[in-house]
Amino acid sequence: MTTHTDSADKLALRNTLIEGIGGYMTAHSIGVFAELGIADLIKDGVRGSDELAAESNTHEPSLRRLLRTLTAVGLATEPEPGRFGLTAVGSQLRSDSPDSLRAFSRMFCHPILLRAWQGLEHSVTTGERAFDHVYGKDFYTYVAEQGAANKLFNEAMGEESRIAAARLAAGYDFSRAEKIVDLGGGDGTLLAAVLPAHPHLKGIVFDSPGGVAEAPEVLKRAGIEERCEARAGDFFQDIPGDGDLYVIKSVFQDWSDEDSYALLRSCRAQIPASATLLIVGTVMPETSSPENPIMFFTDLNMLVNTGGRERTENEFRTMLEETGFSVERVLLGAAGPLSVIEARPAAAR
């Protein structure tokens, strides 16, 4: 005999699965909301869908349906019919928010990435990058050729870095360093947080020409352009040798084991023997659980788009030790959502 409790439990299980299946609908909804800039129009108030439609040049009944859906998933509020505000989560889609993730949302809900994700089965069955299979070239080459998308990607990576950069600036002891080199530093967001907090430091943001393109403006806004330069290059070939602290943030996740080992060997060969290497990134647990799904989605995103992956502490230790580094400390959660691995060149044997 089926009881009411049994039926309620089954309904809850059914709803959980269906909500997961509908995740792509949530992503598309957030992407359109961010692209249209609706959060900027709502700001701190409550606005009618008719006003918002007029200002965003959208179809009012359809916009209302989008806003009601976003209310249902916790980004908006509807205190009275047809009038909408923002939750604390939705406020992150305001472009003027210090915690803005609008560019991040636009990038990760962009048709370029959504189309690549349609190739997930190809990646799972072959181990190959779906992005290359779909577009005929690798992610970074393709995006670099797309002017607007490349700029959006750099901005999105800058937004993603803000919390980790602020935590690192506040929590790590930089007193022994004089010049910090951020390898793969993109638009300079990390050093734009670190250098103002530590006036004795100088810095170099080092990345590909496309990756570092927005850095001069970011460094200028932070008031550190006299102490920090943006330098373009290939960290597999030519790493600046005049630093004493090298930071690699959220880079190894992009690369295969082969490329990650190559990058570490490049570092070992070119950085001073007395330098410190900081790896700032996700450190995966040995087993998965529902507690932090973001890192597992990120890992899968790397499979689809770049061919990289997230790694465990033991995997990082193995890579570093096999490429001539000695791990000094592993500081889990020391950079907000990210961890910090401190290593030094090992003594030559």
Protein backbone atom coordinates (compact mmCIF):
# COMPACT_ATOMS: atom_id res chain seq x y z
CA MET A 1 0.00 0.00 0.00
CA THR A 2 1.40 3.37 -1.03
CA THR A 3 1.16 5.99 1.70
CA HIS A 4 0.95 9.73 1.36
CA THR A 5 4.51 9.95 2.74
CA ASP A 6 5.75 7.50 0.12
CA SER A 7 4.14 9.57 -2.61
CA ALA A 8 5.62 12.81 -1.25
CA ASP A 9 9.10 11.24 -1.12
CA LYS A 10 8.79 9.98 -4.68
CA LEU A 11 7.59 13.40 -5.83
CA ALA A 12 10.57 15.06 -4.15
CA LEU A 13 12.95 12.62 -5.85
CA ARG A 14 11.23 13.22 -9.18
CA ASN A 15 11.46 16.99 -8.77
CA THR A 16 15.16 16.83 -7.88
CA LEU A 17 15.92 14.92 -11.06
CA ILE A 18 13.77 17.17 -13.25
CA GLU A 19 15.38 20.30 -11.80
CA GLY A 20 18.75 18.83 -12.70
CA ILE A 21 17.59 18.02 -16.21
CA GLY A 22 16.37 21.59 -16.56
CA GLY A 23 19.75 23.03 -15.58
CA TYR A 24 20.40 24.13 -19.15
CA MET A 25 17.15 26.10 -19.05
CA THR A 26 18.37 27.91 -15.93
CA ALA A 27 21.70 28.68 -17.63
CA HIS A 28 19.99 30.07 -20.73
CA SER A 29 17.66 32.17 -18.58
CA ILE A 30 20.52 33.65 -16.56
CA GLY A 31 22.52 34.26 -19.72
CA VAL A 32 19.71 36.22 -21.39
CA PHE A 33 19.01 38.17 -18.19
CA ALA A 34 22.70 39.12 -17.97
CA GLU A 35 23.05 39.89 -21.68
CA LEU A 36 20.04 42.22 -21.64
CA GLY A 37 21.33 44.03 -18.53
CA ILE A 38 18.00 43.73 -16.71
CA ALA A 39 19.69 43.73 -13.29
CA ASP A 40 21.16 47.16 -14.08
CA LEU A 41 17.66 48.41 -14.86
CA ILE A 42 16.16 47.05 -11.66
CA LYS A 43 19.06 48.29 -9.48
CA ASP A 44 18.04 48.51 -5.81
CA GLY A 45 14.34 48.96 -6.37
CA VAL A 46 11.26 47.13 -7.56
CA ARG A 47 10.29 47.74 -11.18
CA GLY A 48 7.35 46.73 -13.31
CA SER A 49 7.89 44.34 -16.18
CA ASP A 50 6.29 46.90 -18.48
CA GLU A 51 8.94 49.50 -17.58
CA LEU A 52 11.74 46.97 -17.89
CA ALA A 53 10.48 45.77 -21.27
CA ALA A 54 10.30 49.33 -22.62
CA GLU A 55 13.84 50.11 -21.45
CA SER A 56 15.33 46.82 -22.68
CA ASN A 57 13.40 46.73 -25.96
CA THR A 58 11.88 43.33 -25.15
CA HIS A 59 8.45 41.73 -25.39
CA GLU A 60 6.77 42.47 -22.06
CA PRO A 61 4.74 39.25 -21.59
CA SER A 62 7.79 37.16 -22.46
CA LEU A 63 10.12 39.20 -20.25
CA ARG A 64 7.67 38.76 -17.38
CA ARG A 65 7.79 35.00 -17.84
CA LEU A 66 11.61 35.09 -17.78
CA LEU A 67 11.59 37.18 -14.58
CA ARG A 68 9.10 34.86 -12.90
CA THR A 69 11.29 31.89 -13.73
CA LEU A 70 14.33 33.65 -12.29
CA THR A 71 12.28 34.43 -9.19
CA ALA A 72 11.53 30.71 -8.88
CA VAL A 73 15.27 29.89 -8.88
CA GLY A 74 16.20 32.62 -6.40
CA LEU A 75 17.63 35.47 -8.49
CA ALA A 76 14.66 37.83 -8.45
CA THR A 77 11.66 38.65 -6.26
CA GLU A 78 8.06 39.37 -7.23
CA PRO A 79 6.53 41.19 -4.24
CA GLU A 80 3.40 41.92 -6.24
CA PRO A 81 2.21 40.67 -9.61
CA GLY A 82 4.32 41.97 -12.47
CA ARG A 83 6.79 43.89 -10.29
CA PHE A 84 10.28 42.56 -9.72
CA GLY A 85 13.31 43.14 -7.54
CA LEU A 86 16.66 41.42 -7.09
CA THR A 87 17.83 39.00 -4.44
CA ALA A 88 21.40 39.13 -3.12
CA VAL A 89 22.24 36.38 -5.61
CA GLY A 90 20.67 38.24 -8.53
CA SER A 91 22.39 41.49 -7.55
CA GLN A 92 25.67 39.90 -8.63
CA LEU A 93 24.42 40.37 -12.20
CA ARG A 94 24.57 44.16 -11.83
CA SER A 95 27.55 45.47 -13.76
CA ASP A 96 28.20 48.12 -11.06
CA SER A 97 28.39 45.62 -8.21
CA PRO A 98 31.84 45.12 -6.64
CA ASP A 99 30.94 41.42 -6.63
CA SER A 100 29.63 41.45 -10.21
CA LEU A 101 29.55 38.18 -12.10
CA ARG A 102 27.71 39.61 -15.08
CA ALA A 103 30.55 39.06 -17.56
CA PHE A 104 31.22 35.63 -16.05
CA SER A 105 27.55 34.72 -16.53
CA ARG A 106 27.48 36.06 -20.08
CA MET A 107 30.62 34.11 -20.97
CA PHE A 108 29.65 30.78 -19.47
CA CYS A 109 26.13 31.03 -20.90
CA HIS A 110 27.51 32.17 -24.27
CA PRO A 111 26.53 30.20 -27.38
CA ILE A 112 30.22 29.40 -27.95
CA LEU A 113 30.41 27.38 -24.73
CA LEU A 114 26.87 26.03 -24.83
CA ARG A 115 27.47 24.61 -28.30
CA ALA A 116 30.71 23.00 -27.13
CA TRP A 117 28.90 21.39 -24.20
CA GLN A 118 26.60 19.67 -26.68
CA GLY A 119 29.68 17.59 -27.50
CA LEU A 120 30.02 16.24 -23.94
CA GLU A 121 29.21 12.71 -25.07
CA HIS A 122 32.08 12.90 -27.55
CA SER A 123 34.47 13.84 -24.73
CA VAL A 124 33.19 11.13 -22.41
CA THR A 125 33.41 8.40 -25.05
CA THR A 126 36.77 9.42 -26.54
CA GLY A 127 38.55 11.51 -23.91
CA GLU A 128 39.01 14.23 -26.52
CA ARG A 129 38.10 17.89 -26.21
CA ALA A 130 34.56 18.47 -27.44
CA PHE A 131 35.44 22.07 -28.28
CA ASP A 132 37.99 21.01 -30.91
CA HIS A 133 35.54 18.46 -32.30
CA VAL A 134 32.83 21.12 -32.66
CA TYR A 135 34.90 24.09 -33.83
CA GLY A 136 37.90 22.48 -35.52
CA LYS A 137 40.44 24.28 -33.32
CA ASP A 138 41.29 24.64 -29.65
CA PHE A 139 39.41 26.93 -27.25
CA TYR A 140 42.09 29.60 -26.78
CA THR A 141 42.90 29.91 -30.48
CA TYR A 142 39.21 30.18 -31.38
CA VAL A 143 38.31 32.70 -28.67
CA ALA A 144 41.37 34.85 -29.43
CA GLU A 145 40.03 35.21 -32.97
CA GLN A 146 36.66 36.45 -31.71
CA GLY A 147 37.28 40.05 -30.69
CA ALA A 148 34.20 40.63 -28.54
CA ALA A 149 34.23 37.13 -27.08
CA ASN A 150 37.94 37.39 -26.22
CA LYS A 151 37.35 40.65 -24.36
CA LEU A 152 34.35 39.15 -22.58
CA PHE A 153 36.38 36.07 -21.60
CA ASN A 154 39.15 38.22 -20.10
CA GLU A 155 36.59 40.27 -18.17
CA ALA A 156 34.87 37.10 -16.96
CA MET A 157 38.16 35.65 -15.71
CA GLY A 158 38.85 38.92 -13.91
CA GLU A 159 35.49 38.75 -12.15
CA GLU A 160 36.08 35.13 -11.19
CA SER A 161 39.43 36.08 -9.64
CA ARG A 162 38.29 38.93 -7.39
CA ILE A 163 37.43 37.04 -4.22
CA ALA A 164 40.44 34.75 -4.44
CA ALA A 165 42.72 37.72 -5.15
CA ALA A 166 41.40 39.69 -2.18
CA ARG A 167 41.76 36.67 0.16
CA LEU A 168 45.29 36.01 -1.07
CA ALA A 169 46.24 39.69 -0.65
CA ALA A 170 44.95 39.72 2.92
CA GLY A 171 46.02 36.28 4.08
CA TYR A 172 49.39 35.43 2.54
CA ASP A 173 52.70 36.73 3.94
CA PHE A 174 54.30 38.74 1.13
CA SER A 175 56.92 40.37 3.37
CA ARG A 176 59.77 38.23 2.03
CA ALA A 177 59.02 39.01 -1.62
CA GLU A 178 60.07 42.00 -3.70
CA LYS A 179 58.75 41.18 -7.17
CA ILE A 180 55.78 38.95 -7.89
CA VAL A 181 55.23 37.46 -11.34
CA ASP A 182 51.70 36.31 -12.13
CA LEU A 183 52.03 33.63 -14.82
CA GLY A 184 48.86 33.39 -16.88
CA GLY A 185 47.66 36.50 -15.05
CA GLY A 186 45.13 37.60 -17.68
CA ASP A 187 43.86 41.12 -17.13
CA GLY A 188 45.89 41.65 -13.94
CA THR A 189 43.03 41.33 -11.44
CA LEU A 190 45.14 39.34 -8.98
CA LEU A 191 48.03 41.81 -8.83
CA ALA A 192 45.55 44.69 -8.82
CA ALA A 193 44.43 43.33 -5.43
CA VAL A 194 47.83 42.26 -4.07
CA LEU A 195 50.07 45.24 -4.87
CA PRO A 196 47.89 48.00 -3.33
CA ALA A 197 47.82 45.97 -0.10
CA HIS A 198 51.61 45.53 -0.12
CA PRO A 199 53.27 48.79 -1.26
CA HIS A 200 56.79 47.33 -1.20
CA LEU A 201 55.98 44.88 -4.00
CA LYS A 202 56.57 45.25 -7.71
CA GLY A 203 54.91 42.97 -10.23
CA ILE A 204 54.65 41.53 -13.72
CA VAL A 205 51.45 40.22 -15.28
CA PHE A 206 52.54 37.63 -17.82
CA ASP A 207 50.20 36.03 -20.36
CA SER A 208 49.61 35.54 -24.06
CA PRO A 209 49.07 38.70 -26.14
CA GLY A 210 45.31 38.12 -26.15
CA GLY A 211 45.22 37.20 -22.46
CA VAL A 212 47.12 40.27 -21.28
CA ALA A 213 45.37 42.71 -23.63
CA GLU A 214 43.14 44.29 -20.97
CA ALA A 215 45.77 44.32 -18.19
CA PRO A 216 47.21 47.84 -18.68
CA GLU A 217 43.82 49.42 -18.05
CA VAL A 218 43.16 47.24 -14.98
CA LEU A 219 46.58 48.08 -13.52
CA LYS A 220 46.03 51.78 -14.19
CA ARG A 221 42.64 51.74 -12.45
CA ALA A 222 44.31 50.10 -9.43
CA GLY A 223 46.95 52.86 -9.39
CA ILE A 224 49.85 50.43 -9.71
CA GLU A 225 50.94 51.00 -13.30
CA GLU A 226 54.26 52.44 -12.06
CA ARG A 227 54.98 49.28 -10.03
CA CYS A 228 53.57 46.63 -12.32
CA GLU A 229 53.98 45.88 -16.01
CA ALA A 230 51.97 43.74 -18.39
CA ARG A 231 54.22 41.50 -20.44
CA ALA A 232 53.15 39.18 -23.28
CA GLY A 233 54.78 35.86 -23.94
CA ASP A 234 54.54 32.07 -23.85
CA PHE A 235 55.12 30.56 -20.40
CA PHE A 236 56.06 27.26 -21.97
CA GLN A 237 59.03 29.01 -23.57
CA ASP A 238 59.95 32.31 -21.98
CA ILE A 239 59.22 33.04 -18.31
CA PRO A 240 60.46 36.32 -16.75
CA GLY A 241 63.49 35.45 -14.66
CA ASP A 242 63.59 38.53 -12.43
CA GLY A 243 60.92 37.62 -9.87
CA ASP A 244 61.23 36.07 -6.45
CA LEU A 245 57.61 34.99 -6.05
CA TYR A 246 55.74 33.33 -8.94
CA VAL A 247 51.99 32.82 -8.85
CA ILE A 248 50.07 30.47 -11.13
CA LYS A 249 46.35 30.87 -10.51
CA SER A 250 43.62 28.75 -12.09
CA VAL A 251 45.93 27.67 -14.91
CA PHE A 252 46.71 24.00 -14.37
CA GLN A 253 43.01 23.15 -14.61
CA ASP A 254 43.19 24.26 -18.25
CA TRP A 255 45.95 21.86 -19.21
CA SER A 256 46.48 18.15 -19.68
CA ASP A 257 49.02 16.32 -17.53
CA GLU A 258 51.53 16.52 -20.38
CA ASP A 259 51.19 20.29 -20.70
CA SER A 260 51.11 20.80 -16.91
CA TYR A 261 54.37 18.92 -16.54
CA ALA A 262 55.83 20.99 -19.40
CA LEU A 263 54.81 24.22 -17.68
CA LEU A 264 56.35 23.16 -14.38
CA ARG A 265 59.58 22.11 -16.10
CA SER A 266 59.66 25.50 -17.83
CA CYS A 267 59.26 27.17 -14.44
CA ARG A 268 61.95 25.02 -12.84
CA ALA A 269 64.40 25.81 -15.62
CA GLN A 270 63.80 29.57 -15.74
CA ILE A 271 62.86 30.93 -12.32
CA PRO A 272 65.58 31.73 -9.77
CA ALA A 273 66.65 28.86 -7.51
CA SER A 274 65.70 30.98 -4.48
CA ALA A 275 62.18 31.81 -5.76
CA THR A 276 58.88 30.62 -4.35
CA LEU A 277 56.11 29.19 -6.52
CA LEU A 278 52.49 29.60 -5.45
CA ILE A 279 49.84 27.51 -7.16
CA VAL A 280 46.42 29.01 -6.46
CA GLY A 281 43.52 26.85 -7.55
CA THR A 282 41.05 24.13 -6.76
CA VAL A 283 42.34 21.15 -4.79
CA MET A 284 39.92 18.29 -5.34
CA PRO A 285 39.01 15.83 -2.57
CA GLU A 286 39.96 12.20 -3.11
CA THR A 287 36.27 11.24 -3.34
CA SER A 288 33.30 13.24 -4.59
CA SER A 289 30.26 14.36 -2.61
CA PRO A 290 27.35 16.78 -3.09
CA GLU A 291 28.94 19.35 -0.74
CA ASN A 292 30.77 21.38 -3.40
CA PRO A 293 29.46 20.58 -6.89
CA ILE A 294 31.08 23.66 -8.46
CA MET A 295 34.56 22.10 -8.56
CA PHE A 296 33.18 18.99 -10.25
CA PHE A 297 31.33 21.02 -12.89
CA THR A 298 34.55 22.98 -13.44
CA ASP A 299 36.43 19.72 -13.89
CA LEU A 300 33.89 18.57 -16.48
CA ASN A 301 34.03 21.97 -18.19
CA MET A 302 37.78 21.51 -18.60
CA LEU A 303 37.18 18.11 -20.20
CA VAL A 304 34.80 19.66 -22.72
CA ASN A 305 36.63 22.87 -23.56
CA THR A 306 40.35 22.77 -22.82
CA GLY A 307 41.37 19.17 -22.22
CA GLY A 308 42.52 19.97 -18.69
CA ARG A 309 41.21 18.83 -15.32
CA GLU A 310 41.12 19.62 -11.64
CA ARG A 311 43.54 17.70 -9.40
CA THR A 312 43.85 16.37 -5.86
CA GLU A 313 46.53 17.37 -3.38
CA ASN A 314 48.39 14.12 -4.02
CA GLU A 315 48.32 14.72 -7.77
CA PHE A 316 49.75 18.22 -7.33
CA ARG A 317 52.44 16.92 -5.00
CA THR A 318 53.43 14.26 -7.51
CA MET A 319 53.62 16.75 -10.40
CA LEU A 320 55.70 19.21 -8.41
CA GLU A 321 58.10 16.64 -7.01
CA GLU A 322 58.64 15.01 -10.41
CA THR A 323 59.48 18.38 -12.00
CA GLY A 324 62.03 19.46 -9.40
CA PHE A 325 59.99 21.28 -6.78
CA SER A 326 59.61 20.70 -3.07
CA VAL A 327 56.16 21.30 -1.58
CA GLU A 328 56.39 23.50 1.50
CA ARG A 329 52.73 23.95 2.48
CA VAL A 330 49.23 23.22 1.24
CA LEU A 331 46.76 25.81 2.53
CA LEU A 332 43.27 24.53 1.80
CA GLY A 333 40.71 27.31 1.29
CA ALA A 334 43.33 30.03 1.84
CA ALA A 335 42.15 32.00 -1.20
CA GLY A 336 38.39 31.94 -0.67
CA PRO A 337 37.03 29.23 -2.94
CA LEU A 338 40.59 28.28 -3.91
CA SER A 339 43.56 26.75 -2.12
CA VAL A 340 47.24 27.69 -2.11
CA ILE A 341 50.15 25.31 -2.66
CA GLU A 342 53.54 26.78 -1.77
CA ALA A 343 56.58 25.17 -3.39
CA ARG A 344 60.25 25.90 -3.96
CA PRO A 345 62.82 24.61 -6.43
CA ALA A 346 64.31 21.49 -4.88
CA ALA A 347 68.04 21.28 -4.41
CA ALA A 348 69.77 19.72 -7.40
CA ARG A 349 70.57 16.08 -6.87
